[in-house]
Amino acid sequence: MKALTANRLDDGEVVFWKAGQWVERFADAELFSDDPTGEAAEGQGKSQPNTVIDVYLIDLIESEGLWAPLSYRERIRALGPPNHPGHGKQAEGGAAIEALMHATGASRSTGRVNLIKRK
């Protein structure tokens, strides 16, 4: 399972792809169970260079019955700034946030590795 992520160009906010648009919450992200569908969405996302930057697919794992990014880096990006539990998206709480906070895994997403290799 994968999700598509990027940073919004206006303010640097981490965003996720959902049905042709960018949303701020990982819980709202569209999940891709096959590579062709995810890669097609990645192509659409990359065609918006005035809206987002660094578009790539992230690998997901199941956590507490929900999906969460496999890599620690991506979980931090999805939760918001980690400087204080009351800041960022993590302050909203809920099942999706708990799943992100309790997910494990530290490997890099293949999409992020590919992005680094291209730069």
N, C-alpha and C. Protein backbone atom coordinates (compact mmCIF):
# COMPACT_ATOMS: atom_id res chain seq x y z
N MET A 1 0.85 -1.17 0.00
CA MET A 1 0.00 0.00 0.00
C MET A 1 0.90 1.24 0.00
N LYS A 2 0.47 2.25 -0.72
CA LYS A 2 1.25 3.49 -0.81
C LYS A 2 0.32 4.70 -0.74
N ALA A 3 0.90 5.86 -0.44
CA ALA A 3 0.21 7.14 -0.49
C ALA A 3 1.15 8.12 -1.17
N LEU A 4 0.60 9.17 -1.71
CA LEU A 4 1.40 10.18 -2.41
C LEU A 4 1.51 11.42 -1.54
N THR A 5 2.72 11.93 -1.40
CA THR A 5 2.95 13.10 -0.56
C THR A 5 3.80 14.13 -1.29
N ALA A 6 3.79 15.34 -0.77
CA ALA A 6 4.58 16.45 -1.31
C ALA A 6 4.60 17.56 -0.26
N ASN A 7 5.25 18.65 -0.60
CA ASN A 7 5.18 19.85 0.22
C ASN A 7 4.54 20.95 -0.60
N ARG A 8 3.57 21.63 -0.01
CA ARG A 8 2.89 22.72 -0.69
C ARG A 8 3.87 23.87 -0.87
N LEU A 9 3.91 24.42 -2.04
CA LEU A 9 4.88 25.44 -2.38
C LEU A 9 4.64 26.75 -1.62
N ASP A 10 3.39 27.11 -1.38
CA ASP A 10 3.06 28.38 -0.71
C ASP A 10 3.64 28.49 0.69
N ASP A 11 3.49 27.41 1.48
CA ASP A 11 3.84 27.51 2.90
C ASP A 11 4.68 26.32 3.42
N GLY A 12 5.01 25.38 2.54
CA GLY A 12 5.82 24.23 2.95
C GLY A 12 5.07 23.14 3.65
N GLU A 13 3.77 23.29 3.82
CA GLU A 13 2.96 22.30 4.51
C GLU A 13 3.05 20.95 3.83
N VAL A 14 3.13 19.90 4.62
CA VAL A 14 3.10 18.53 4.09
C VAL A 14 1.68 18.25 3.63
N VAL A 15 1.55 17.76 2.41
CA VAL A 15 0.22 17.47 1.87
C VAL A 15 0.20 16.06 1.27
N PHE A 16 -1.00 15.55 1.12
CA PHE A 16 -1.22 14.20 0.60
C PHE A 16 -2.25 14.26 -0.52
N TRP A 17 -2.10 13.35 -1.45
CA TRP A 17 -2.96 13.32 -2.63
C TRP A 17 -4.28 12.63 -2.33
N LYS A 18 -5.36 13.24 -2.81
CA LYS A 18 -6.66 12.60 -2.70
C LYS A 18 -7.50 12.99 -3.91
N ALA A 19 -7.73 12.05 -4.77
CA ALA A 19 -8.63 12.21 -5.91
C ALA A 19 -8.35 13.49 -6.70
N GLY A 20 -7.11 13.72 -7.03
CA GLY A 20 -6.76 14.86 -7.88
C GLY A 20 -6.51 16.16 -7.15
N GLN A 21 -6.55 16.14 -5.83
CA GLN A 21 -6.31 17.35 -5.05
C GLN A 21 -5.35 17.04 -3.91
N TRP A 22 -4.79 18.07 -3.34
CA TRP A 22 -3.88 17.92 -2.20
C TRP A 22 -4.63 18.24 -0.93
N VAL A 23 -4.52 17.34 0.08
CA VAL A 23 -5.16 17.54 1.38
C VAL A 23 -4.07 17.54 2.45
N GLU A 24 -4.36 18.15 3.60
CA GLU A 24 -3.34 18.30 4.65
C GLU A 24 -3.24 17.11 5.59
N ARG A 25 -4.27 16.30 5.69
CA ARG A 25 -4.28 15.22 6.68
C ARG A 25 -3.97 13.87 6.03
N PHE A 26 -3.04 13.14 6.64
CA PHE A 26 -2.72 11.80 6.15
C PHE A 26 -3.98 10.92 6.17
N ALA A 27 -4.81 11.09 7.18
CA ALA A 27 -6.02 10.28 7.31
C ALA A 27 -6.95 10.46 6.11
N ASP A 28 -6.84 11.58 5.42
CA ASP A 28 -7.68 11.84 4.25
C ASP A 28 -7.03 11.40 2.95
N ALA A 29 -5.78 10.94 3.01
CA ALA A 29 -5.03 10.61 1.80
C ALA A 29 -5.64 9.42 1.07
N GLU A 30 -5.52 9.46 -0.24
CA GLU A 30 -5.91 8.32 -1.08
C GLU A 30 -4.81 7.27 -0.98
N LEU A 31 -5.19 6.01 -0.80
CA LEU A 31 -4.22 4.92 -0.69
C LEU A 31 -4.24 4.11 -1.97
N PHE A 32 -3.06 3.70 -2.41
CA PHE A 32 -2.92 2.97 -3.67
C PHE A 32 -2.43 1.55 -3.39
N SER A 33 -3.22 0.58 -3.83
CA SER A 33 -2.85 -0.81 -3.59
C SER A 33 -2.01 -1.39 -4.72
N ASP A 34 -1.92 -0.69 -5.85
CA ASP A 34 -1.09 -1.19 -6.94
C ASP A 34 -0.20 -0.06 -7.48
N ASP A 35 0.94 -0.45 -8.01
CA ASP A 35 1.92 0.53 -8.48
C ASP A 35 1.43 1.39 -9.65
N PRO A 36 0.78 0.82 -10.67
CA PRO A 36 0.36 1.68 -11.80
C PRO A 36 -0.57 2.82 -11.38
N THR A 37 -1.50 2.56 -10.49
CA THR A 37 -2.42 3.60 -10.05
C THR A 37 -1.68 4.69 -9.27
N GLY A 38 -0.79 4.26 -8.38
CA GLY A 38 0.00 5.22 -7.61
C GLY A 38 0.93 6.04 -8.51
N GLU A 39 1.55 5.38 -9.46
CA GLU A 39 2.46 6.09 -10.37
C GLU A 39 1.71 7.07 -11.27
N ALA A 40 0.48 6.72 -11.64
CA ALA A 40 -0.34 7.65 -12.43
C ALA A 40 -0.66 8.90 -11.61
N ALA A 41 -1.00 8.70 -10.34
CA ALA A 41 -1.28 9.84 -9.47
C ALA A 41 -0.01 10.67 -9.25
N GLU A 42 1.14 9.99 -9.12
CA GLU A 42 2.41 10.70 -8.96
C GLU A 42 2.67 11.58 -10.18
N GLY A 43 2.38 11.06 -11.35
CA GLY A 43 2.55 11.86 -12.58
C GLY A 43 1.64 13.08 -12.57
N GLN A 44 0.41 12.90 -12.12
CA GLN A 44 -0.51 14.04 -12.03
C GLN A 44 0.00 15.06 -11.02
N GLY A 45 0.47 14.56 -9.89
CA GLY A 45 0.97 15.47 -8.86
C GLY A 45 2.18 16.26 -9.33
N LYS A 46 3.06 15.59 -10.06
CA LYS A 46 4.26 16.26 -10.56
C LYS A 46 3.94 17.26 -11.66
N SER A 47 2.76 17.16 -12.22
CA SER A 47 2.37 18.13 -13.26
C SER A 47 1.85 19.42 -12.66
N GLN A 48 1.98 19.58 -11.34
CA GLN A 48 1.53 20.79 -10.65
C GLN A 48 2.71 21.50 -9.98
N PRO A 49 3.73 21.87 -10.75
CA PRO A 49 4.95 22.45 -10.14
C PRO A 49 4.73 23.82 -9.50
N ASN A 50 3.62 24.46 -9.77
CA ASN A 50 3.36 25.75 -9.13
C ASN A 50 2.57 25.59 -7.84
N THR A 51 2.21 24.34 -7.52
CA THR A 51 1.42 24.06 -6.32
C THR A 51 2.23 23.31 -5.27
N VAL A 52 2.99 22.29 -5.70
CA VAL A 52 3.73 21.44 -4.77
C VAL A 52 5.14 21.18 -5.27
N ILE A 53 5.98 20.68 -4.35
CA ILE A 53 7.36 20.31 -4.68
C ILE A 53 7.66 18.97 -4.03
N ASP A 54 8.63 18.23 -4.59
CA ASP A 54 9.06 16.94 -4.06
C ASP A 54 7.90 15.95 -3.91
N VAL A 55 7.29 15.64 -5.01
CA VAL A 55 6.18 14.68 -5.04
C VAL A 55 6.74 13.27 -5.08
N TYR A 56 6.34 12.39 -4.16
CA TYR A 56 6.78 11.00 -4.19
C TYR A 56 5.82 10.11 -3.41
N LEU A 57 5.86 8.83 -3.78
CA LEU A 57 5.03 7.82 -3.12
C LEU A 57 5.72 7.34 -1.85
N ILE A 58 4.95 7.13 -0.80
CA ILE A 58 5.50 6.60 0.44
C ILE A 58 4.91 5.22 0.70
N ASP A 59 5.72 4.34 1.27
CA ASP A 59 5.29 3.00 1.63
C ASP A 59 4.53 3.04 2.95
N LEU A 60 3.50 2.22 3.06
CA LEU A 60 2.66 2.21 4.26
C LEU A 60 2.70 0.84 4.93
N ILE A 61 2.43 0.84 6.23
CA ILE A 61 2.27 -0.40 6.99
C ILE A 61 0.97 -0.29 7.78
N GLU A 62 0.44 -1.42 8.17
CA GLU A 62 -0.78 -1.41 8.97
C GLU A 62 -0.41 -1.17 10.43
N SER A 63 -1.15 -0.28 11.05
CA SER A 63 -0.92 0.05 12.45
C SER A 63 -2.26 0.25 13.14
N GLU A 64 -2.55 -0.59 14.10
CA GLU A 64 -3.78 -0.49 14.88
C GLU A 64 -5.01 -0.49 13.98
N GLY A 65 -4.98 -1.31 12.94
CA GLY A 65 -6.12 -1.44 12.04
C GLY A 65 -6.22 -0.35 10.99
N LEU A 66 -5.30 0.59 11.00
CA LEU A 66 -5.28 1.67 10.00
C LEU A 66 -3.93 1.63 9.28
N TRP A 67 -3.75 2.49 8.31
CA TRP A 67 -2.48 2.55 7.58
C TRP A 67 -1.66 3.73 8.07
N ALA A 68 -0.35 3.53 8.10
CA ALA A 68 0.58 4.58 8.54
C ALA A 68 1.84 4.46 7.68
N PRO A 69 2.58 5.57 7.51
CA PRO A 69 3.84 5.49 6.76
C PRO A 69 4.82 4.52 7.42
N LEU A 70 5.54 3.79 6.60
CA LEU A 70 6.54 2.85 7.09
C LEU A 70 7.71 3.58 7.73
N SER A 71 8.16 4.65 7.13
CA SER A 71 9.37 5.32 7.64
C SER A 71 9.03 6.31 8.75
N TYR A 72 9.95 6.40 9.67
CA TYR A 72 9.81 7.33 10.79
C TYR A 72 9.72 8.77 10.29
N ARG A 73 10.54 9.09 9.30
CA ARG A 73 10.53 10.43 8.72
C ARG A 73 9.14 10.81 8.22
N GLU A 74 8.51 9.89 7.52
CA GLU A 74 7.19 10.18 6.96
C GLU A 74 6.13 10.27 8.04
N ARG A 75 6.28 9.51 9.12
CA ARG A 75 5.31 9.63 10.22
C ARG A 75 5.44 11.00 10.88
N ILE A 76 6.66 11.48 11.05
CA ILE A 76 6.86 12.82 11.62
C ILE A 76 6.24 13.87 10.70
N ARG A 77 6.46 13.72 9.39
CA ARG A 77 5.87 14.68 8.44
C ARG A 77 4.34 14.67 8.55
N ALA A 78 3.75 13.48 8.72
CA ALA A 78 2.29 13.37 8.78
C ALA A 78 1.72 13.91 10.10
N LEU A 79 2.52 13.87 11.17
CA LEU A 79 2.04 14.31 12.47
C LEU A 79 2.22 15.81 12.69
N GLY A 80 3.06 16.43 11.93
CA GLY A 80 3.31 17.85 12.12
C GLY A 80 4.60 18.07 12.87
N PRO A 81 4.91 19.30 13.22
CA PRO A 81 6.17 19.54 13.93
C PRO A 81 6.23 18.76 15.24
N PRO A 82 7.34 18.05 15.50
CA PRO A 82 7.44 17.23 16.70
C PRO A 82 7.97 17.99 17.92
N ASN A 83 8.03 19.31 17.86
CA ASN A 83 8.63 20.06 18.96
C ASN A 83 7.79 20.06 20.23
N HIS A 84 6.46 19.79 20.11
CA HIS A 84 5.59 19.76 21.28
C HIS A 84 4.33 18.98 20.92
N PRO A 85 3.86 18.09 21.82
CA PRO A 85 2.67 17.29 21.49
C PRO A 85 1.42 18.13 21.20
N GLY A 86 1.40 19.37 21.66
CA GLY A 86 0.25 20.23 21.43
C GLY A 86 0.33 21.02 20.14
N HIS A 87 1.38 20.81 19.36
CA HIS A 87 1.55 21.53 18.09
C HIS A 87 1.29 20.61 16.91
N GLY A 88 0.93 21.21 15.80
CA GLY A 88 0.81 20.48 14.55
C GLY A 88 -0.41 19.59 14.48
N LYS A 89 -0.39 18.71 13.50
CA LYS A 89 -1.53 17.84 13.24
C LYS A 89 -1.73 16.83 14.36
N GLN A 90 -0.65 16.47 15.08
CA GLN A 90 -0.77 15.50 16.17
C GLN A 90 -1.66 16.00 17.30
N ALA A 91 -1.81 17.31 17.43
CA ALA A 91 -2.63 17.88 18.50
C ALA A 91 -4.12 17.58 18.31
N GLU A 92 -4.51 17.22 17.10
CA GLU A 92 -5.92 16.94 16.83
C GLU A 92 -6.37 15.62 17.46
N GLY A 93 -5.43 14.69 17.67
CA GLY A 93 -5.78 13.41 18.27
C GLY A 93 -6.66 12.55 17.37
N GLY A 94 -7.19 11.49 17.93
CA GLY A 94 -8.05 10.59 17.17
C GLY A 94 -7.34 9.31 16.79
N ALA A 95 -8.12 8.38 16.24
CA ALA A 95 -7.59 7.05 15.90
C ALA A 95 -6.49 7.13 14.86
N ALA A 96 -6.63 7.97 13.86
CA ALA A 96 -5.61 8.06 12.80
C ALA A 96 -4.29 8.58 13.37
N ILE A 97 -4.36 9.54 14.26
CA ILE A 97 -3.14 10.08 14.88
C ILE A 97 -2.51 9.02 15.78
N GLU A 98 -3.31 8.29 16.54
CA GLU A 98 -2.78 7.23 17.40
C GLU A 98 -2.09 6.15 16.57
N ALA A 99 -2.68 5.80 15.43
CA ALA A 99 -2.07 4.80 14.55
C ALA A 99 -0.71 5.29 14.05
N LEU A 100 -0.62 6.57 13.72
CA LEU A 100 0.65 7.13 13.27
C LEU A 100 1.68 7.11 14.40
N MET A 101 1.24 7.44 15.60
CA MET A 101 2.17 7.53 16.73
C MET A 101 2.67 6.16 17.18
N HIS A 102 1.88 5.10 16.95
CA HIS A 102 2.27 3.77 17.42
C HIS A 102 2.83 2.88 16.31
N ALA A 103 2.89 3.37 15.10
CA ALA A 103 3.47 2.58 14.00
C ALA A 103 4.97 2.42 14.23
N THR A 104 5.51 1.33 13.72
CA THR A 104 6.94 1.09 13.84
C THR A 104 7.54 0.87 12.46
N GLY A 105 8.84 0.99 12.41
CA GLY A 105 9.54 0.83 11.14
C GLY A 105 10.43 2.03 10.93
N ALA A 106 11.55 1.81 10.31
CA ALA A 106 12.50 2.91 10.15
C ALA A 106 13.09 3.00 8.76
N SER A 107 12.69 2.11 7.89
CA SER A 107 13.29 2.16 6.56
C SER A 107 12.75 3.35 5.77
N ARG A 108 13.49 3.72 4.75
CA ARG A 108 13.06 4.82 3.90
C ARG A 108 12.02 4.33 2.90
N SER A 109 11.11 5.20 2.54
CA SER A 109 10.17 4.87 1.49
C SER A 109 10.91 4.80 0.17
N THR A 110 10.54 3.85 -0.65
CA THR A 110 11.20 3.72 -1.95
C THR A 110 11.02 4.99 -2.79
N GLY A 111 9.87 5.65 -2.67
CA GLY A 111 9.64 6.88 -3.42
C GLY A 111 10.61 7.97 -3.01
N ARG A 112 10.90 8.09 -1.72
CA ARG A 112 11.84 9.09 -1.22
C ARG A 112 13.26 8.77 -1.70
N VAL A 113 13.63 7.49 -1.68
CA VAL A 113 14.96 7.08 -2.16
C VAL A 113 15.10 7.44 -3.63
N ASN A 114 14.06 7.16 -4.41
CA ASN A 114 14.12 7.50 -5.84
C ASN A 114 14.21 9.00 -6.03
N LEU A 115 13.52 9.78 -5.21
CA LEU A 115 13.59 11.23 -5.31
C LEU A 115 15.01 11.72 -5.03
N ILE A 116 15.66 11.16 -4.01
CA ILE A 116 17.03 11.54 -3.66
C ILE A 116 17.98 11.18 -4.80
N LYS A 117 17.80 10.03 -5.40
CA LYS A 117 18.68 9.60 -6.49
C LYS A 117 18.56 10.52 -7.70
N ARG A 118 17.38 11.07 -7.94
CA ARG A 118 17.17 11.93 -9.11
C ARG A 118 17.76 13.31 -8.92
N LYS A 119 17.96 13.75 -7.67
CA LYS A 119 18.47 15.11 -7.43
C LYS A 119 19.95 15.18 -7.64
